[in-house]
Amino acid sequence: MLILSFTNILDQIFQRLSSVFLYTLPLKASIPFGYYLFYKYSFLKILSFLTLPIILIEESLPFGSFLLFIILFAGLVRNPRVPHFIRYNACQALLVDIALIIISYLFKILPIVELGSIIFIFTLCIFIYSISQCIFGVEPEIPFISKSVRMQI
């Protein structure tokens, strides 16, 4: 009985830490939006160290970002053997990342530096909120995105 309880606790810790790691994907995608803030406030460069594992994965493989997306979507989100908490957070992180990719394409048409900083700050708030909720074992509720996630899973 004690061993089952201990393994359950370890499983919950693993799920929470995995979910926290998943939210570094949209944080990495938001860094180009905040280049002006990185230049002005050098302490923000700590955030780029948080995204280092994602950067290493994407840069070490050909088509790394696309492969990472496929692996996360097919391997985690669509896999019913993966716990719901991880699937939910993986799908939500991927949808935030997709939204940032679409916004980055719009910025190539209309480059507005101030709006980029706002998007970076907004994504940073989503990151902080999501990881704090994941640490407590609660599914983060992001408007519009969480509803889409529930339809996907």
C-alpha atoms as a PDB file:
ATOM      1  CA  MET A   1       0.000   0.000   0.000  1.00  0.00           C
ATOM      2  CA  LEU A   2       2.814   2.381   0.900  1.00  0.00           C
ATOM      3  CA  ILE A   3       4.699   1.528  -2.305  1.00  0.00           C
ATOM      4  CA  LEU A   4       1.611   2.241  -4.429  1.00  0.00           C
ATOM      5  CA  SER A   5       1.177   5.594  -2.731  1.00  0.00           C
ATOM      6  CA  PHE A   6       4.838   6.466  -3.273  1.00  0.00           C
ATOM      7  CA  THR A   7       4.702   5.536  -6.972  1.00  0.00           C
ATOM      8  CA  ASN A   8       1.517   7.567  -7.344  1.00  0.00           C
ATOM      9  CA  ILE A   9       3.267  10.597  -5.853  1.00  0.00           C
ATOM     10  CA  LEU A  10       6.257  10.121  -8.159  1.00  0.00           C
ATOM     11  CA  ASP A  11       3.898   9.813 -11.119  1.00  0.00           C
ATOM     12  CA  GLN A  12       2.187  13.093 -10.193  1.00  0.00           C
ATOM     13  CA  ILE A  13       5.541  14.856  -9.817  1.00  0.00           C
ATOM     14  CA  PHE A  14       6.662  13.543 -13.215  1.00  0.00           C
ATOM     15  CA  GLN A  15       3.413  14.701 -14.847  1.00  0.00           C
ATOM     16  CA  ARG A  16       3.727  18.162 -13.335  1.00  0.00           C
ATOM     17  CA  LEU A  17       7.384  18.612 -14.299  1.00  0.00           C
ATOM     18  CA  SER A  18       6.723  17.319 -17.814  1.00  0.00           C
ATOM     19  CA  SER A  19       3.905  19.800 -18.206  1.00  0.00           C
ATOM     20  CA  VAL A  20       6.111  22.648 -16.999  1.00  0.00           C
ATOM     21  CA  PHE A  21       8.735  21.670 -19.582  1.00  0.00           C
ATOM     22  CA  LEU A  22       6.127  21.675 -22.371  1.00  0.00           C
ATOM     23  CA  TYR A  23       5.372  25.362 -21.841  1.00  0.00           C
ATOM     24  CA  THR A  24       8.942  26.304 -22.733  1.00  0.00           C
ATOM     25  CA  LEU A  25       7.972  25.686 -26.374  1.00  0.00           C
ATOM     26  CA  PRO A  26       5.735  28.781 -26.685  1.00  0.00           C
ATOM     27  CA  LEU A  27       8.179  30.750 -24.535  1.00  0.00           C
ATOM     28  CA  LYS A  28      10.920  29.976 -27.063  1.00  0.00           C
ATOM     29  CA  ALA A  29       8.639  31.069 -29.904  1.00  0.00           C
ATOM     30  CA  SER A  30       7.965  34.389 -28.156  1.00  0.00           C
ATOM     31  CA  ILE A  31      11.605  35.365 -27.650  1.00  0.00           C
ATOM     32  CA  PRO A  32      11.962  37.039 -31.094  1.00  0.00           C
ATOM     33  CA  PHE A  33       9.046  39.319 -30.193  1.00  0.00           C
ATOM     34  CA  GLY A  34      10.842  40.548 -27.107  1.00  0.00           C
ATOM     35  CA  TYR A  35      14.241  41.354 -28.605  1.00  0.00           C
ATOM     36  CA  TYR A  36      13.788  45.041 -27.754  1.00  0.00           C
ATOM     37  CA  LEU A  37      13.001  44.159 -24.131  1.00  0.00           C
ATOM     38  CA  PHE A  38      15.988  41.780 -24.003  1.00  0.00           C
ATOM     39  CA  TYR A  39      18.192  44.638 -25.160  1.00  0.00           C
ATOM     40  CA  LYS A  40      16.744  47.078 -22.623  1.00  0.00           C
ATOM     41  CA  TYR A  41      16.468  44.677 -19.642  1.00  0.00           C
ATOM     42  CA  SER A  42      19.368  42.246 -19.632  1.00  0.00           C
ATOM     43  CA  PHE A  43      17.954  40.126 -16.784  1.00  0.00           C
ATOM     44  CA  LEU A  44      15.373  38.772 -19.240  1.00  0.00           C
ATOM     45  CA  LYS A  45      18.154  36.765 -20.911  1.00  0.00           C
ATOM     46  CA  ILE A  46      17.594  34.186 -18.166  1.00  0.00           C
ATOM     47  CA  LEU A  47      14.459  33.197 -20.081  1.00  0.00           C
ATOM     48  CA  SER A  48      16.543  32.152 -23.061  1.00  0.00           C
ATOM     49  CA  PHE A  49      18.370  29.670 -20.809  1.00  0.00           C
ATOM     50  CA  LEU A  50      15.036  28.097 -19.882  1.00  0.00           C
ATOM     51  CA  THR A  51      14.386  27.394 -23.537  1.00  0.00           C
ATOM     52  CA  LEU A  52      17.832  25.906 -24.180  1.00  0.00           C
ATOM     53  CA  PRO A  53      16.603  22.263 -24.333  1.00  0.00           C
ATOM     54  CA  ILE A  54      14.031  23.199 -26.991  1.00  0.00           C
ATOM     55  CA  ILE A  55      16.629  25.141 -28.952  1.00  0.00           C
ATOM     56  CA  LEU A  56      19.049  22.187 -28.839  1.00  0.00           C
ATOM     57  CA  ILE A  57      16.382  19.773 -30.057  1.00  0.00           C
ATOM     58  CA  GLU A  58      15.266  22.058 -32.869  1.00  0.00           C
ATOM     59  CA  GLU A  59      18.777  22.958 -34.023  1.00  0.00           C
ATOM     60  CA  SER A  60      20.253  19.463 -33.864  1.00  0.00           C
ATOM     61  CA  LEU A  61      17.704  17.858 -36.186  1.00  0.00           C
ATOM     62  CA  PRO A  62      16.902  18.759 -39.774  1.00  0.00           C
ATOM     63  CA  PHE A  63      13.404  20.258 -39.748  1.00  0.00           C
ATOM     64  CA  GLY A  64      13.741  20.155 -35.950  1.00  0.00           C
ATOM     65  CA  SER A  65      10.816  22.409 -35.086  1.00  0.00           C
ATOM     66  CA  PHE A  66       8.489  20.530 -37.435  1.00  0.00           C
ATOM     67  CA  LEU A  67       9.647  17.152 -36.102  1.00  0.00           C
ATOM     68  CA  LEU A  68       9.239  18.343 -32.518  1.00  0.00           C
ATOM     69  CA  PHE A  69       5.698  19.444 -33.315  1.00  0.00           C
ATOM     70  CA  ILE A  70       4.842  16.090 -34.926  1.00  0.00           C
ATOM     71  CA  ILE A  71       6.395  14.140 -32.051  1.00  0.00           C
ATOM     72  CA  LEU A  72       4.518  16.150 -29.425  1.00  0.00           C
ATOM     73  CA  PHE A  73       1.231  16.040 -31.302  1.00  0.00           C
ATOM     74  CA  ALA A  74       1.286  12.390 -32.339  1.00  0.00           C
ATOM     75  CA  GLY A  75       3.259  11.067 -29.385  1.00  0.00           C
ATOM     76  CA  LEU A  76       1.605  12.946 -26.545  1.00  0.00           C
ATOM     77  CA  VAL A  77      -1.613  14.695 -27.536  1.00  0.00           C
ATOM     78  CA  ARG A  78      -3.102  11.853 -29.593  1.00  0.00           C
ATOM     79  CA  ASN A  79      -1.761   9.005 -27.452  1.00  0.00           C
ATOM     80  CA  PRO A  80      -4.480   7.735 -25.083  1.00  0.00           C
ATOM     81  CA  ARG A  81      -1.888   5.908 -22.942  1.00  0.00           C
ATOM     82  CA  VAL A  82      -0.352   9.236 -21.885  1.00  0.00           C
ATOM     83  CA  PRO A  83      -2.017  10.736 -18.781  1.00  0.00           C
ATOM     84  CA  HIS A  84      -4.689  13.330 -19.485  1.00  0.00           C
ATOM     85  CA  PHE A  85      -2.844  16.066 -17.580  1.00  0.00           C
ATOM     86  CA  ILE A  86       0.213  15.808 -19.861  1.00  0.00           C
ATOM     87  CA  ARG A  87      -1.922  15.522 -23.008  1.00  0.00           C
ATOM     88  CA  TYR A  88      -3.918  18.600 -22.044  1.00  0.00           C
ATOM     89  CA  ASN A  89      -0.842  20.721 -21.352  1.00  0.00           C
ATOM     90  CA  ALA A  90       0.983  19.488 -24.464  1.00  0.00           C
ATOM     91  CA  CYS A  91      -1.955  20.405 -26.665  1.00  0.00           C
ATOM     92  CA  GLN A  92      -2.349  23.785 -25.004  1.00  0.00           C
ATOM     93  CA  ALA A  93       1.370  24.570 -25.366  1.00  0.00           C
ATOM     94  CA  LEU A  94       1.239  23.566 -29.036  1.00  0.00           C
ATOM     95  CA  LEU A  95      -1.800  25.762 -29.705  1.00  0.00           C
ATOM     96  CA  VAL A  96      -0.128  28.772 -28.078  1.00  0.00           C
ATOM     97  CA  ASP A  97       2.956  28.033 -30.177  1.00  0.00           C
ATOM     98  CA  ILE A  98       0.867  27.850 -33.368  1.00  0.00           C
ATOM     99  CA  ALA A  99      -0.768  31.177 -32.499  1.00  0.00           C
ATOM    100  CA  LEU A 100       2.677  32.746 -32.074  1.00  0.00           C
ATOM    101  CA  ILE A 101       3.819  31.340 -35.422  1.00  0.00           C
ATOM    102  CA  ILE A 102       0.786  32.884 -37.138  1.00  0.00           C
ATOM    103  CA  ILE A 103       1.435  36.196 -35.395  1.00  0.00           C
ATOM    104  CA  SER A 104       5.089  36.101 -36.493  1.00  0.00           C
ATOM    105  CA  TYR A 105       3.972  35.756 -40.116  1.00  0.00           C
ATOM    106  CA  LEU A 106       1.663  38.739 -39.665  1.00  0.00           C
ATOM    107  CA  PHE A 107       4.588  40.701 -38.237  1.00  0.00           C
ATOM    108  CA  LYS A 108       6.571  40.106 -41.405  1.00  0.00           C
ATOM    109  CA  ILE A 109       3.839  42.024 -43.210  1.00  0.00           C
ATOM    110  CA  LEU A 110       3.405  44.771 -40.577  1.00  0.00           C
ATOM    111  CA  PRO A 111       6.502  45.109 -38.377  1.00  0.00           C
ATOM    112  CA  ILE A 112       5.395  46.976 -35.244  1.00  0.00           C
ATOM    113  CA  VAL A 113       8.038  46.758 -32.500  1.00  0.00           C
ATOM    114  CA  GLU A 114       5.781  47.906 -29.650  1.00  0.00           C
ATOM    115  CA  LEU A 115       3.153  45.311 -30.443  1.00  0.00           C
ATOM    116  CA  GLY A 116       5.857  42.640 -30.457  1.00  0.00           C
ATOM    117  CA  SER A 117       6.842  43.603 -26.923  1.00  0.00           C
ATOM    118  CA  ILE A 118       3.225  43.350 -25.817  1.00  0.00           C
ATOM    119  CA  ILE A 119       2.938  39.895 -27.359  1.00  0.00           C
ATOM    120  CA  PHE A 120       6.141  38.826 -25.604  1.00  0.00           C
ATOM    121  CA  ILE A 121       4.868  40.086 -22.236  1.00  0.00           C
ATOM    122  CA  PHE A 122       1.499  38.426 -22.828  1.00  0.00           C
ATOM    123  CA  THR A 123       3.195  35.105 -23.650  1.00  0.00           C
ATOM    124  CA  LEU A 124       5.437  35.451 -20.615  1.00  0.00           C
ATOM    125  CA  CYS A 125       2.325  35.911 -18.455  1.00  0.00           C
ATOM    126  CA  ILE A 126       0.777  32.793 -20.010  1.00  0.00           C
ATOM    127  CA  PHE A 127       4.029  30.917 -19.295  1.00  0.00           C
ATOM    128  CA  ILE A 128       4.174  32.000 -15.651  1.00  0.00           C
ATOM    129  CA  TYR A 129       0.472  31.302 -15.099  1.00  0.00           C
ATOM    130  CA  SER A 130       0.626  27.903 -16.797  1.00  0.00           C
ATOM    131  CA  ILE A 131       3.687  26.632 -14.976  1.00  0.00           C
ATOM    132  CA  SER A 132       2.326  27.799 -11.631  1.00  0.00           C
ATOM    133  CA  GLN A 133      -0.925  25.956 -12.297  1.00  0.00           C
ATOM    134  CA  CYS A 134       0.973  22.846 -13.439  1.00  0.00           C
ATOM    135  CA  ILE A 135       3.103  22.857 -10.298  1.00  0.00           C
ATOM    136  CA  PHE A 136      -0.082  22.820  -8.226  1.00  0.00           C
ATOM    137  CA  GLY A 137      -1.535  20.055 -10.411  1.00  0.00           C
ATOM    138  CA  VAL A 138      -4.326  22.178 -11.888  1.00  0.00           C
ATOM    139  CA  GLU A 139      -5.085  22.380 -15.600  1.00  0.00           C
ATOM    140  CA  PRO A 140      -4.424  25.991 -16.686  1.00  0.00           C
ATOM    141  CA  GLU A 141      -7.399  27.719 -18.265  1.00  0.00           C
ATOM    142  CA  ILE A 142      -6.348  30.064 -21.071  1.00  0.00           C
ATOM    143  CA  PRO A 143      -9.297  31.821 -22.747  1.00  0.00           C
ATOM    144  CA  PHE A 144     -10.181  30.501 -26.226  1.00  0.00           C
ATOM    145  CA  ILE A 145      -7.292  28.027 -26.227  1.00  0.00           C
ATOM    146  CA  SER A 146      -8.451  25.748 -23.417  1.00  0.00           C
ATOM    147  CA  LYS A 147     -11.795  25.304 -25.137  1.00  0.00           C
ATOM    148  CA  SER A 148     -10.017  24.176 -28.308  1.00  0.00           C
ATOM    149  CA  VAL A 149      -7.811  21.838 -26.289  1.00  0.00           C
ATOM    150  CA  ARG A 150     -10.825  20.150 -24.732  1.00  0.00           C
ATOM    151  CA  MET A 151     -12.253  19.568 -28.216  1.00  0.00           C
ATOM    152  CA  GLN A 152      -8.946  18.035 -29.390  1.00  0.00           C
ATOM    153  CA  ILE A 153      -8.539  15.583 -26.543  1.00  0.00           C
END
